[in-house]
PDB file of N, CA and C in Angstrom:
ATOM      1  N   ASN A   1      -1.057   4.183 -21.511  1.00  0.00           N
ATOM      2  CA  ASN A   1      -1.505   5.419 -22.607  1.00  0.00           C
ATOM      3  C   ASN A   1      -0.348   4.358 -24.155  1.00  0.00           C
ATOM      4  N   ARG A   2       0.396   3.642 -23.568  1.00  0.00           N
ATOM      5  CA  ARG A   2       1.147   3.070 -24.431  1.00  0.00           C
ATOM      6  C   ARG A   2       0.609   2.236 -25.807  1.00  0.00           C
ATOM      7  N   LYS A   3       0.561   2.020 -26.862  1.00  0.00           N
ATOM      8  CA  LYS A   3       0.154   1.392 -27.866  1.00  0.00           C
ATOM      9  C   LYS A   3       0.812   0.444 -28.529  1.00  0.00           C
ATOM     10  N   ASP A   4       1.736  -0.288 -27.689  1.00  0.00           N
ATOM     11  CA  ASP A   4       3.135  -1.450 -28.249  1.00  0.00           C
ATOM     12  C   ASP A   4       2.195  -2.724 -28.164  1.00  0.00           C
ATOM     13  N   GLU A   5       2.954  -3.395 -28.832  1.00  0.00           N
ATOM     14  CA  GLU A   5       2.385  -4.673 -29.111  1.00  0.00           C
ATOM     15  C   GLU A   5       1.906  -5.291 -27.864  1.00  0.00           C
ATOM     16  N   CYS A   6       2.766  -5.283 -26.300  1.00  0.00           N
ATOM     17  CA  CYS A   6       2.493  -6.002 -25.163  1.00  0.00           C
ATOM     18  C   CYS A   6       1.112  -5.120 -24.768  1.00  0.00           C
ATOM     19  N   ASN A   7       1.250  -4.319 -24.754  1.00  0.00           N
ATOM     20  CA  ASN A   7      -0.151  -3.711 -23.956  1.00  0.00           C
ATOM     21  C   ASN A   7      -1.230  -3.630 -24.940  1.00  0.00           C
ATOM     22  N   ILE A   8      -1.392  -3.971 -26.081  1.00  0.00           N
ATOM     23  CA  ILE A   8      -2.286  -3.934 -26.947  1.00  0.00           C
ATOM     24  C   ILE A   8      -2.855  -5.481 -26.709  1.00  0.00           C
ATOM     25  N   SER A   9      -2.132  -6.404 -26.819  1.00  0.00           N
ATOM     26  CA  SER A   9      -2.742  -8.035 -26.650  1.00  0.00           C
ATOM     27  C   SER A   9      -3.029  -8.109 -24.763  1.00  0.00           C
ATOM     28  N   ASN A  10      -2.542  -7.444 -24.016  1.00  0.00           N
ATOM     29  CA  ASN A  10      -3.168  -7.166 -22.329  1.00  0.00           C
ATOM     30  C   ASN A  10      -3.934  -6.559 -22.203  1.00  0.00           C
ATOM     31  N   THR A  11      -4.377  -5.487 -23.252  1.00  0.00           N
ATOM     32  CA  THR A  11      -5.931  -4.689 -22.951  1.00  0.00           C
ATOM     33  C   THR A  11      -7.251  -5.316 -22.489  1.00  0.00           C
ATOM     34  N   PRO A  12      -7.504  -6.534 -22.740  1.00  0.00           N
ATOM     35  CA  PRO A  12      -8.774  -6.979 -22.613  1.00  0.00           C
ATOM     36  C   PRO A  12      -8.800  -7.455 -21.036  1.00  0.00           C
ATOM     37  N   GLU A  13      -7.470  -8.259 -20.933  1.00  0.00           N
ATOM     38  CA  GLU A  13      -7.227  -8.524 -19.538  1.00  0.00           C
ATOM     39  C   GLU A  13      -7.067  -7.631 -18.553  1.00  0.00           C
ATOM     40  N   THR A  14      -6.623  -6.704 -18.790  1.00  0.00           N
ATOM     41  CA  THR A  14      -6.514  -5.482 -17.840  1.00  0.00           C
ATOM     42  C   THR A  14      -7.817  -4.829 -17.729  1.00  0.00           C
ATOM     43  N   THR A  15      -8.383  -4.408 -18.365  1.00  0.00           N
ATOM     44  CA  THR A  15      -9.841  -3.825 -18.333  1.00  0.00           C
ATOM     45  C   THR A  15     -10.565  -5.007 -17.560  1.00  0.00           C
ATOM     46  N   ALA A  16     -10.683  -6.066 -17.765  1.00  0.00           N
ATOM     47  CA  ALA A  16     -11.525  -7.073 -17.276  1.00  0.00           C
ATOM     48  C   ALA A  16     -11.253  -6.800 -15.769  1.00  0.00           C
ATOM     49  N   LEU A  17      -9.876  -6.642 -15.396  1.00  0.00           N
ATOM     50  CA  LEU A  17      -9.148  -6.783 -13.793  1.00  0.00           C
ATOM     51  C   LEU A  17      -9.706  -5.423 -13.290  1.00  0.00           C
ATOM     52  N   PHE A  18     -10.012  -4.600 -14.267  1.00  0.00           N
ATOM     53  CA  PHE A  18      -9.932  -3.131 -13.768  1.00  0.00           C
ATOM     54  C   PHE A  18     -11.591  -3.279 -13.384  1.00  0.00           C
ATOM     55  N   ASN A  19     -12.445  -3.489 -14.453  1.00  0.00           N
ATOM     56  CA  ASN A  19     -13.567  -3.817 -14.155  1.00  0.00           C
ATOM     57  C   ASN A  19     -14.172  -4.517 -13.060  1.00  0.00           C
ATOM     58  N   LYS A  20     -13.574  -5.647 -12.337  1.00  0.00           N
ATOM     59  CA  LYS A  20     -13.708  -6.466 -11.540  1.00  0.00           C
ATOM     60  C   LYS A  20     -13.426  -5.483  -9.941  1.00  0.00           C
ATOM     61  N   SER A  21     -12.380  -5.008 -10.224  1.00  0.00           N
ATOM     62  CA  SER A  21     -11.577  -4.092  -8.829  1.00  0.00           C
ATOM     63  C   SER A  21     -12.445  -2.945  -8.579  1.00  0.00           C
ATOM     64  N   GLY A  22     -13.295  -2.158  -9.818  1.00  0.00           N
ATOM     65  CA  GLY A  22     -14.071  -1.173  -9.457  1.00  0.00           C
ATOM     66  C   GLY A  22     -15.369  -1.791  -9.074  1.00  0.00           C
ATOM     67  N   GLU A  23     -15.932  -2.931  -9.117  1.00  0.00           N
ATOM     68  CA  GLU A  23     -17.262  -3.489  -8.721  1.00  0.00           C
ATOM     69  C   GLU A  23     -16.841  -4.152  -7.153  1.00  0.00           C
ATOM     70  N   ASN A  24     -15.811  -4.517  -6.972  1.00  0.00           N
ATOM     71  CA  ASN A  24     -15.920  -4.952  -5.378  1.00  0.00           C
ATOM     72  C   ASN A  24     -15.606  -3.786  -4.931  1.00  0.00           C
ATOM     73  N   SER A  25     -14.829  -2.867  -5.045  1.00  0.00           N
ATOM     74  CA  SER A  25     -14.534  -1.337  -4.034  1.00  0.00           C
ATOM     75  C   SER A  25     -15.849  -0.904  -4.081  1.00  0.00           C
ATOM     76  N   ARG A  26     -16.756  -0.617  -4.708  1.00  0.00           N
ATOM     77  CA  ARG A  26     -17.955  -0.377  -5.130  1.00  0.00           C
ATOM     78  C   ARG A  26     -19.152  -0.943  -4.206  1.00  0.00           C
ATOM     79  N   TYR A  27     -18.955  -2.404  -3.961  1.00  0.00           N
ATOM     80  CA  TYR A  27     -19.626  -2.924  -3.059  1.00  0.00           C
ATOM     81  C   TYR A  27     -18.786  -2.969  -1.556  1.00  0.00           C
ATOM     82  N   ALA A  28     -17.862  -2.736  -1.605  1.00  0.00           N
ATOM     83  CA  ALA A  28     -17.655  -2.608  -0.029  1.00  0.00           C
ATOM     84  C   ALA A  28     -17.533  -1.307   0.312  1.00  0.00           C
ATOM     85  N   ALA A  29     -17.888  -0.350  -0.420  1.00  0.00           N
ATOM     86  CA  ALA A  29     -18.135   0.806  -0.038  1.00  0.00           C
ATOM     87  C   ALA A  29     -19.493   1.324   0.201  1.00  0.00           C
ATOM     88  N   ALA A  30     -20.178   0.138  -0.471  1.00  0.00           N
ATOM     89  CA  ALA A  30     -21.983   0.135  -0.084  1.00  0.00           C
ATOM     90  C   ALA A  30     -22.212  -0.206   1.500  1.00  0.00           C
ATOM     91  N   HIS A  31     -21.407  -1.212   1.888  1.00  0.00           N
ATOM     92  CA  HIS A  31     -21.352  -1.462   3.229  1.00  0.00           C
ATOM     93  C   HIS A  31     -20.517  -0.646   4.201  1.00  0.00           C
ATOM     94  N   LEU A  32     -20.178   0.838   4.030  1.00  0.00           N
ATOM     95  CA  LEU A  32     -19.668   1.171   5.030  1.00  0.00           C
ATOM     96  C   LEU A  32     -20.363   1.911   6.224  1.00  0.00           C
ATOM     97  N   VAL A  33     -20.206   1.667   7.271  1.00  0.00           N
ATOM     98  CA  VAL A  33     -20.808   2.221   8.490  1.00  0.00           C
ATOM     99  C   VAL A  33     -20.893   3.911   7.999  1.00  0.00           C
ATOM    100  N   GLU A  34     -21.791   4.891   8.240  1.00  0.00           N
ATOM    101  CA  GLU A  34     -22.179   5.925   7.726  1.00  0.00           C
ATOM    102  C   GLU A  34     -21.750   6.496   8.997  1.00  0.00           C
ATOM    103  N   TRP A  35     -20.677   7.516   8.465  1.00  0.00           N
ATOM    104  CA  TRP A  35     -19.812   8.519   9.606  1.00  0.00           C
ATOM    105  C   TRP A  35     -20.647   9.568   9.808  1.00  0.00           C
ATOM    106  N   LYS A  36     -21.031  10.006  11.259  1.00  0.00           N
ATOM    107  CA  LYS A  36     -21.777  11.606  10.968  1.00  0.00           C
ATOM    108  C   LYS A  36     -21.713  12.799  10.341  1.00  0.00           C
ATOM    109  N   ASP A  37     -22.114  13.421  10.019  1.00  0.00           N
ATOM    110  CA  ASP A  37     -21.780  14.453   9.210  1.00  0.00           C
ATOM    111  C   ASP A  37     -21.155  15.686  10.286  1.00  0.00           C
ATOM    112  N   PRO A  38     -20.009  15.952  10.020  1.00  0.00           N
ATOM    113  CA  PRO A  38     -19.094  17.016  10.618  1.00  0.00           C
ATOM    114  C   PRO A  38     -19.870  18.562  10.680  1.00  0.00           C
ATOM    115  N   ALA A  39     -20.948  18.854  10.203  1.00  0.00           N
ATOM    116  CA  ALA A  39     -21.623  20.022  10.716  1.00  0.00           C
ATOM    117  C   ALA A  39     -22.229  20.034  11.680  1.00  0.00           C
ATOM    118  N   SER A  40     -22.789  18.441  12.140  1.00  0.00           N
ATOM    119  CA  SER A  40     -23.709  18.261  13.292  1.00  0.00           C
ATOM    120  C   SER A  40     -22.574  18.265  14.470  1.00  0.00           C
ATOM    121  N   PHE A  41     -21.461  18.788  14.131  1.00  0.00           N
ATOM    122  CA  PHE A  41     -20.936  18.709  15.831  1.00  0.00           C
ATOM    123  C   PHE A  41     -21.353  20.343  16.186  1.00  0.00           C
ATOM    124  N   GLU A  42     -21.755  20.473  16.489  1.00  0.00           N
ATOM    125  CA  GLU A  42     -22.483  21.795  17.665  1.00  0.00           C
ATOM    126  C   GLU A  42     -21.434  22.387  18.265  1.00  0.00           C
ATOM    127  N   SER A  43     -21.036  21.969  19.447  1.00  0.00           N
ATOM    128  CA  SER A  43     -20.018  22.737  20.060  1.00  0.00           C
ATOM    129  C   SER A  43     -18.633  22.998  19.276  1.00  0.00           C
ATOM    130  N   TRP A  44     -18.083  22.067  18.409  1.00  0.00           N
ATOM    131  CA  TRP A  44     -17.003  22.504  17.820  1.00  0.00           C
ATOM    132  C   TRP A  44     -17.410  23.549  16.496  1.00  0.00           C
ATOM    133  N   THR A  45     -18.430  23.466  15.864  1.00  0.00           N
ATOM    134  CA  THR A  45     -18.659  24.391  15.242  1.00  0.00           C
ATOM    135  C   THR A  45     -18.875  25.830  15.647  1.00  0.00           C
ATOM    136  N   GLU A  46     -19.367  25.909  16.992  1.00  0.00           N
ATOM    137  CA  GLU A  46     -19.357  27.099  17.466  1.00  0.00           C
ATOM    138  C   GLU A  46     -18.137  27.785  18.127  1.00  0.00           C
ATOM    139  N   CYS A  47     -16.967  26.718  18.505  1.00  0.00           N
ATOM    140  CA  CYS A  47     -15.853  26.784  19.388  1.00  0.00           C
ATOM    141  C   CYS A  47     -14.634  26.930  18.466  1.00  0.00           C
ATOM    142  N   SER A  48     -14.537  26.317  17.261  1.00  0.00           N
ATOM    143  CA  SER A  48     -13.271  26.284  16.833  1.00  0.00           C
ATOM    144  C   SER A  48     -12.302  27.300  16.406  1.00  0.00           C
ATOM    145  N   ALA A  49     -13.233  28.261  15.887  1.00  0.00           N
ATOM    146  CA  ALA A  49     -12.244  29.287  15.451  1.00  0.00           C
ATOM    147  C   ALA A  49     -11.343  29.696  16.472  1.00  0.00           C
ATOM    148  N   ASP A  50     -12.251  29.927  17.733  1.00  0.00           N
ATOM    149  CA  ASP A  50     -11.495  30.743  18.608  1.00  0.00           C
ATOM    150  C   ASP A  50     -10.495  29.806  19.311  1.00  0.00           C
ATOM    151  N   ILE A  51     -10.666  28.356  19.556  1.00  0.00           N
ATOM    152  CA  ILE A  51      -9.563  27.389  20.001  1.00  0.00           C
ATOM    153  C   ILE A  51      -8.581  27.207  18.795  1.00  0.00           C
ATOM    154  N   GLU A  52      -8.873  27.580  17.756  1.00  0.00           N
ATOM    155  CA  GLU A  52      -7.977  27.223  16.922  1.00  0.00           C
ATOM    156  C   GLU A  52      -7.132  28.374  16.650  1.00  0.00           C
ATOM    157  N   ALA A  53      -7.453  29.532  16.834  1.00  0.00           N
ATOM    158  CA  ALA A  53      -6.428  30.508  17.234  1.00  0.00           C
ATOM    159  C   ALA A  53      -5.566  30.734  18.242  1.00  0.00           C
ATOM    160  N   GLU A  54      -5.834  30.164  19.677  1.00  0.00           N
ATOM    161  CA  GLU A  54      -5.353  30.476  20.877  1.00  0.00           C
ATOM    162  C   GLU A  54      -4.626  29.046  20.048  1.00  0.00           C
ATOM    163  N   LYS A  55      -4.720  28.381  19.809  1.00  0.00           N
ATOM    164  CA  LYS A  55      -3.833  26.946  19.770  1.00  0.00           C
ATOM    165  C   LYS A  55      -1.963  27.637  19.132  1.00  0.00           C
ATOM    166  N   ASP A  56      -2.556  27.745  18.021  1.00  0.00           N
ATOM    167  CA  ASP A  56      -1.584  28.177  16.995  1.00  0.00           C
ATOM    168  C   ASP A  56      -0.827  29.436  17.790  1.00  0.00           C
ATOM    169  N   GLN A  57      -1.459  30.589  18.172  1.00  0.00           N
ATOM    170  CA  GLN A  57      -0.980  31.435  18.858  1.00  0.00           C
ATOM    171  C   GLN A  57       0.209  30.767  19.938  1.00  0.00           C
ATOM    172  N   TYR A  58      -0.136  30.138  20.718  1.00  0.00           N
ATOM    173  CA  TYR A  58       0.586  29.668  21.716  1.00  0.00           C
ATOM    174  C   TYR A  58       1.687  28.753  20.793  1.00  0.00           C
ATOM    175  N   LEU A  59       0.735  27.520  19.926  1.00  0.00           N
ATOM    176  CA  LEU A  59       1.942  26.558  19.360  1.00  0.00           C
ATOM    177  C   LEU A  59       3.190  27.564  18.951  1.00  0.00           C
ATOM    178  N   TRP A  60       2.914  28.554  17.952  1.00  0.00           N
ATOM    179  CA  TRP A  60       3.999  29.439  17.614  1.00  0.00           C
ATOM    180  C   TRP A  60       4.724  30.451  18.518  1.00  0.00           C
ATOM    181  N   GLY A  61       4.202  30.541  19.386  1.00  0.00           N
ATOM    182  CA  GLY A  61       4.923  31.529  20.527  1.00  0.00           C
ATOM    183  C   GLY A  61       5.513  30.989  21.494  1.00  0.00           C
ATOM    184  N   VAL A  62       5.690  29.390  21.365  1.00  0.00           N
ATOM    185  CA  VAL A  62       6.814  28.444  22.390  1.00  0.00           C
ATOM    186  C   VAL A  62       7.595  28.036  21.002  1.00  0.00           C
ATOM    187  N   ILE A  63       7.656  28.030  19.487  1.00  0.00           N
ATOM    188  CA  ILE A  63       8.397  28.007  18.862  1.00  0.00           C
ATOM    189  C   ILE A  63       9.297  29.282  18.949  1.00  0.00           C
ATOM    190  N   ALA A  64       8.480  30.320  19.118  1.00  0.00           N
ATOM    191  CA  ALA A  64       9.448  31.773  18.310  1.00  0.00           C
ATOM    192  C   ALA A  64      10.223  31.744  19.700  1.00  0.00           C
ATOM    193  N   GLY A  65      10.004  31.193  20.699  1.00  0.00           N
ATOM    194  CA  GLY A  65      11.024  31.655  22.290  1.00  0.00           C
ATOM    195  C   GLY A  65       9.699  32.807  22.873  1.00  0.00           C
ATOM    196  N   GLN A  66       8.093  33.579  22.896  1.00  0.00           N
ATOM    197  CA  GLN A  66       7.535  34.285  23.220  1.00  0.00           C
ATOM    198  C   GLN A  66       6.665  33.865  24.001  1.00  0.00           C
ATOM    199  N   GLU A  67       6.355  32.727  24.185  1.00  0.00           N
ATOM    200  CA  GLU A  67       5.688  31.779  25.145  1.00  0.00           C
ATOM    201  C   GLU A  67       6.580  30.816  25.814  1.00  0.00           C
ATOM    202  N   SER A  68       6.238  30.351  26.891  1.00  0.00           N
ATOM    203  CA  SER A  68       6.911  29.478  27.442  1.00  0.00           C
ATOM    204  C   SER A  68       6.137  27.737  27.887  1.00  0.00           C
ATOM    205  N   ILE A  69       6.732  27.087  27.877  1.00  0.00           N
ATOM    206  CA  ILE A  69       6.066  25.805  27.815  1.00  0.00           C
ATOM    207  C   ILE A  69       5.504  25.407  29.877  1.00  0.00           C
ATOM    208  N   ASP A  70       6.023  26.521  30.232  1.00  0.00           N
ATOM    209  CA  ASP A  70       5.533  26.789  31.747  1.00  0.00           C
ATOM    210  C   ASP A  70       4.240  26.953  32.249  1.00  0.00           C
ATOM    211  N   ASP A  71       3.952  28.163  31.094  1.00  0.00           N
ATOM    212  CA  ASP A  71       2.138  28.183  30.980  1.00  0.00           C
ATOM    213  C   ASP A  71       1.398  27.377  30.518  1.00  0.00           C
ATOM    214  N   TRP A  72       1.559  26.021  30.607  1.00  0.00           N
ATOM    215  CA  TRP A  72       0.642  24.780  29.832  1.00  0.00           C
ATOM    216  C   TRP A  72      -0.652  24.954  30.478  1.00  0.00           C
ATOM    217  N   ASP A  73      -0.251  24.675  31.938  1.00  0.00           N
ATOM    218  CA  ASP A  73      -1.572  24.909  32.870  1.00  0.00           C
ATOM    219  C   ASP A  73      -2.621  26.205  32.367  1.00  0.00           C
ATOM    220  N   ASN A  74      -2.057  27.743  32.392  1.00  0.00           N
ATOM    221  CA  ASN A  74      -2.874  28.560  31.833  1.00  0.00           C
ATOM    222  C   ASN A  74      -3.392  28.732  30.369  1.00  0.00           C
ATOM    223  N   TYR A  75      -2.594  27.780  29.454  1.00  0.00           N
ATOM    224  CA  TYR A  75      -3.340  27.673  28.408  1.00  0.00           C
ATOM    225  C   TYR A  75      -4.299  26.705  28.117  1.00  0.00           C
ATOM    226  N   VAL A  76      -4.097  25.326  28.770  1.00  0.00           N
ATOM    227  CA  VAL A  76      -5.544  24.559  28.859  1.00  0.00           C
ATOM    228  C   VAL A  76      -6.275  24.962  29.655  1.00  0.00           C
ATOM    229  N   ALA A  77      -6.284  26.029  30.757  1.00  0.00           N
ATOM    230  CA  ALA A  77      -7.489  26.772  31.211  1.00  0.00           C
ATOM    231  C   ALA A  77      -7.981  27.717  29.997  1.00  0.00           C
ATOM    232  N   THR A  78      -7.495  28.169  29.398  1.00  0.00           N
ATOM    233  CA  THR A  78      -7.958  29.437  28.284  1.00  0.00           C
ATOM    234  C   THR A  78      -8.671  28.581  27.321  1.00  0.00           C
ATOM    235  N   LEU A  79      -8.263  27.251  26.858  1.00  0.00           N
ATOM    236  CA  LEU A  79      -8.990  26.749  26.206  1.00  0.00           C
ATOM    237  C   LEU A  79     -10.108  25.891  26.364  1.00  0.00           C
ATOM    238  N   ASN A  80     -10.295  25.632  27.706  1.00  0.00           N
ATOM    239  CA  ASN A  80     -11.346  25.163  28.649  1.00  0.00           C
ATOM    240  C   ASN A  80     -11.890  26.609  28.392  1.00  0.00           C
ATOM    241  N   SER A  81     -11.763  27.519  28.890  1.00  0.00           N
ATOM    242  CA  SER A  81     -12.946  28.501  28.621  1.00  0.00           C
ATOM    243  C   SER A  81     -13.288  29.019  27.439  1.00  0.00           C
ATOM    244  N   LEU A  82     -12.577  28.788  26.489  1.00  0.00           N
ATOM    245  CA  LEU A  82     -13.104  28.834  25.253  1.00  0.00           C
ATOM    246  C   LEU A  82     -13.877  27.868  24.321  1.00  0.00           C
ATOM    247  N   GLY A  83     -14.486  26.971  25.607  1.00  0.00           N
ATOM    248  CA  GLY A  83     -15.312  25.810  24.963  1.00  0.00           C
ATOM    249  C   GLY A  83     -14.617  24.505  24.850  1.00  0.00           C
ATOM    250  N   LEU A  84     -13.580  24.334  25.147  1.00  0.00           N
ATOM    251  CA  LEU A  84     -12.926  22.896  24.741  1.00  0.00           C
ATOM    252  C   LEU A  84     -13.515  21.593  25.577  1.00  0.00           C
ATOM    253  N   GLU A  85     -14.007  21.904  26.537  1.00  0.00           N
ATOM    254  CA  GLU A  85     -14.652  21.064  27.451  1.00  0.00           C
ATOM    255  C   GLU A  85     -15.706  20.594  26.897  1.00  0.00           C
ATOM    256  N   ASP A  86     -16.736  21.432  26.331  1.00  0.00           N
ATOM    257  CA  ASP A  86     -17.741  20.975  25.868  1.00  0.00           C
ATOM    258  C   ASP A  86     -17.511  20.374  24.525  1.00  0.00           C
ATOM    259  N   VAL A  87     -16.481  20.807  23.769  1.00  0.00           N
ATOM    260  CA  VAL A  87     -15.954  20.170  22.543  1.00  0.00           C
ATOM    261  C   VAL A  87     -15.577  18.298  22.977  1.00  0.00           C
ATOM    262  N   LEU A  88     -15.064  18.420  23.512  1.00  0.00           N
ATOM    263  CA  LEU A  88     -14.507  16.997  23.833  1.00  0.00           C
ATOM    264  C   LEU A  88     -15.898  16.294  24.379  1.00  0.00           C
ATOM    265  N   ALA A  89     -16.451  16.778  25.492  1.00  0.00           N
ATOM    266  CA  ALA A  89     -17.966  16.074  26.026  1.00  0.00           C
ATOM    267  C   ALA A  89     -18.858  15.271  24.514  1.00  0.00           C
ATOM    268  N   GLU A  90     -18.535  16.633  23.758  1.00  0.00           N
ATOM    269  CA  GLU A  90     -19.759  16.103  22.546  1.00  0.00           C
ATOM    270  C   GLU A  90     -18.839  15.147  21.507  1.00  0.00           C
ATOM    271  N   ALA A  91     -17.793  15.492  21.614  1.00  0.00           N
ATOM    272  CA  ALA A  91     -17.056  14.198  20.603  1.00  0.00           C
ATOM    273  C   ALA A  91     -16.828  12.949  21.419  1.00  0.00           C
ATOM    274  N   ASN A  92     -16.824  12.681  22.498  1.00  0.00           N
ATOM    275  CA  ASN A  92     -16.980  11.788  23.499  1.00  0.00           C
ATOM    276  C   ASN A  92     -18.231  10.900  23.201  1.00  0.00           C
ATOM    277  N   GLU A  93     -19.544  11.786  23.642  1.00  0.00           N
ATOM    278  CA  GLU A  93     -20.697  11.093  23.389  1.00  0.00           C
ATOM    279  C   GLU A  93     -20.702  10.427  21.835  1.00  0.00           C
ATOM    280  N   ASP A  94     -20.573  11.239  20.662  1.00  0.00           N
ATOM    281  CA  ASP A  94     -20.495  10.829  19.485  1.00  0.00           C
ATOM    282  C   ASP A  94     -19.658   9.834  19.276  1.00  0.00           C
ATOM    283  N   TYR A  95     -18.159   9.663  19.703  1.00  0.00           N
ATOM    284  CA  TYR A  95     -17.705   8.355  19.494  1.00  0.00           C
ATOM    285  C   TYR A  95     -18.238   7.176  20.133  1.00  0.00           C
ATOM    286  N   ALA A  96     -19.093   7.545  21.391  1.00  0.00           N
ATOM    287  CA  ALA A  96     -19.558   6.503  22.063  1.00  0.00           C
ATOM    288  C   ALA A  96     -20.439   5.776  21.015  1.00  0.00           C
ATOM    289  N   GLU A  97     -21.663   6.692  20.393  1.00  0.00           N
ATOM    290  CA  GLU A  97     -22.537   6.674  19.315  1.00  0.00           C
ATOM    291  C   GLU A  97     -22.116   5.762  18.182  1.00  0.00           C
ATOM    292  N   LEU A  98     -21.261   6.258  17.409  1.00  0.00           N
ATOM    293  CA  LEU A  98     -20.773   5.596  16.835  1.00  0.00           C
ATOM    294  C   LEU A  98     -19.843   4.190  16.682  1.00  0.00           C
ATOM    295  N   ASN A  99     -19.452   4.200  18.067  1.00  0.00           N
ATOM    296  CA  ASN A  99     -18.812   2.909  18.307  1.00  0.00           C
ATOM    297  C   ASN A  99     -19.709   1.490  18.280  1.00  0.00           C
ATOM    298  N   ALA A 100     -20.816   2.287  19.078  1.00  0.00           N
ATOM    299  CA  ALA A 100     -21.801   1.553  19.108  1.00  0.00           C
ATOM    300  C   ALA A 100     -22.597   0.810  17.781  1.00  0.00           C
ATOM    301  N   GLN A 101     -22.649   1.798  16.924  1.00  0.00           N
ATOM    302  CA  GLN A 101     -23.143   1.379  15.401  1.00  0.00           C
ATOM    303  C   GLN A 101     -21.965   0.535  14.662  1.00  0.00           C
ATOM    304  N   MET A 102     -20.768   0.924  14.994  1.00  0.00           N
ATOM    305  CA  MET A 102     -19.739  -0.215  14.426  1.00  0.00           C
ATOM    306  C   MET A 102     -19.842  -1.479  14.969  1.00  0.00           C
ATOM    307  N   GLU A 103     -20.137  -1.769  16.298  1.00  0.00           N
ATOM    308  CA  GLU A 103     -20.114  -2.914  16.764  1.00  0.00           C
ATOM    309  C   GLU A 103     -21.631  -3.641  16.316  1.00  0.00           C
ATOM    310  N   GLU A 104     -22.638  -3.099  16.168  1.00  0.00           N
ATOM    311  CA  GLU A 104     -23.457  -3.312  15.690  1.00  0.00           C
ATOM    312  C   GLU A 104     -23.616  -3.813  13.908  1.00  0.00           C
ATOM    313  N   TYR A 105     -23.163  -3.036  13.660  1.00  0.00           N
ATOM    314  CA  TYR A 105     -22.548  -3.522  11.584  1.00  0.00           C
ATOM    315  C   TYR A 105     -21.351  -4.397  11.738  1.00  0.00           C
ATOM    316  N   LEU A 106     -20.460  -4.581  12.443  1.00  0.00           N
ATOM    317  CA  LEU A 106     -19.904  -5.744  12.497  1.00  0.00           C
ATOM    318  C   LEU A 106     -20.408  -7.103  12.928  1.00  0.00           C
ATOM    319  N   ALA A 107     -21.158  -7.131  14.072  1.00  0.00           N
ATOM    320  CA  ALA A 107     -21.932  -8.534  14.682  1.00  0.00           C
ATOM    321  C   ALA A 107     -23.122  -9.034  13.076  1.00  0.00           C
ATOM    322  N   ALA A 108     -23.308  -7.830  12.270  1.00  0.00           N
ATOM    323  CA  ALA A 108     -24.433  -8.176  11.449  1.00  0.00           C
ATOM    324  C   ALA A 108     -23.593  -8.452  10.239  1.00  0.00           C
ATOM    325  N   HIS A 109     -22.621  -7.921   9.688  1.00  0.00           N
ATOM    326  CA  HIS A 109     -21.554  -8.361   8.765  1.00  0.00           C
ATOM    327  C   HIS A 109     -20.304  -9.209   8.908  1.00  0.00           C
ATOM    328  N   GLY A 110     -19.714  -9.618   9.972  1.00  0.00           N
ATOM    329  CA  GLY A 110     -18.723 -10.707  10.659  1.00  0.00           C
ATOM    330  C   GLY A 110     -17.490  -9.628  10.786  1.00  0.00           C
ATOM    331  N   GLU A 111     -17.053 -10.396  11.596  1.00  0.00           N
ATOM    332  CA  GLU A 111     -15.652  -9.067  11.510  1.00  0.00           C
ATOM    333  C   GLU A 111     -14.545  -9.694  10.556  1.00  0.00           C
ATOM    334  N   ALA A 112     -14.350  -9.571   9.554  1.00  0.00           N
ATOM    335  CA  ALA A 112     -13.717 -10.022   8.344  1.00  0.00           C
ATOM    336  C   ALA A 112     -12.060  -9.484   8.382  1.00  0.00           C
TER     337      ALA A 112
END
């Protein structure tokens, strides 16, 4: 926002460069692959609160010395009982779908 002699004479060039970069960024954004709506991850939406709570409890328990890392298998079993396996299966399906869309996009627009 300085208005000294250098910046005043440079303003038209700077404005032109700024406008050009804005046009290019909008052009690039218009051609991005659309990502899936996070709300459509149904398994995660259902299970995330319980999984996150268990993760936090175990993590901070280990840090505080109240939990042992020797209980890792029990921890994983608990997460699976809370629905983690369903979440991972859904995520892998969604990843495969998104990956196929990305390959289709790159085939159509070239790998730049």
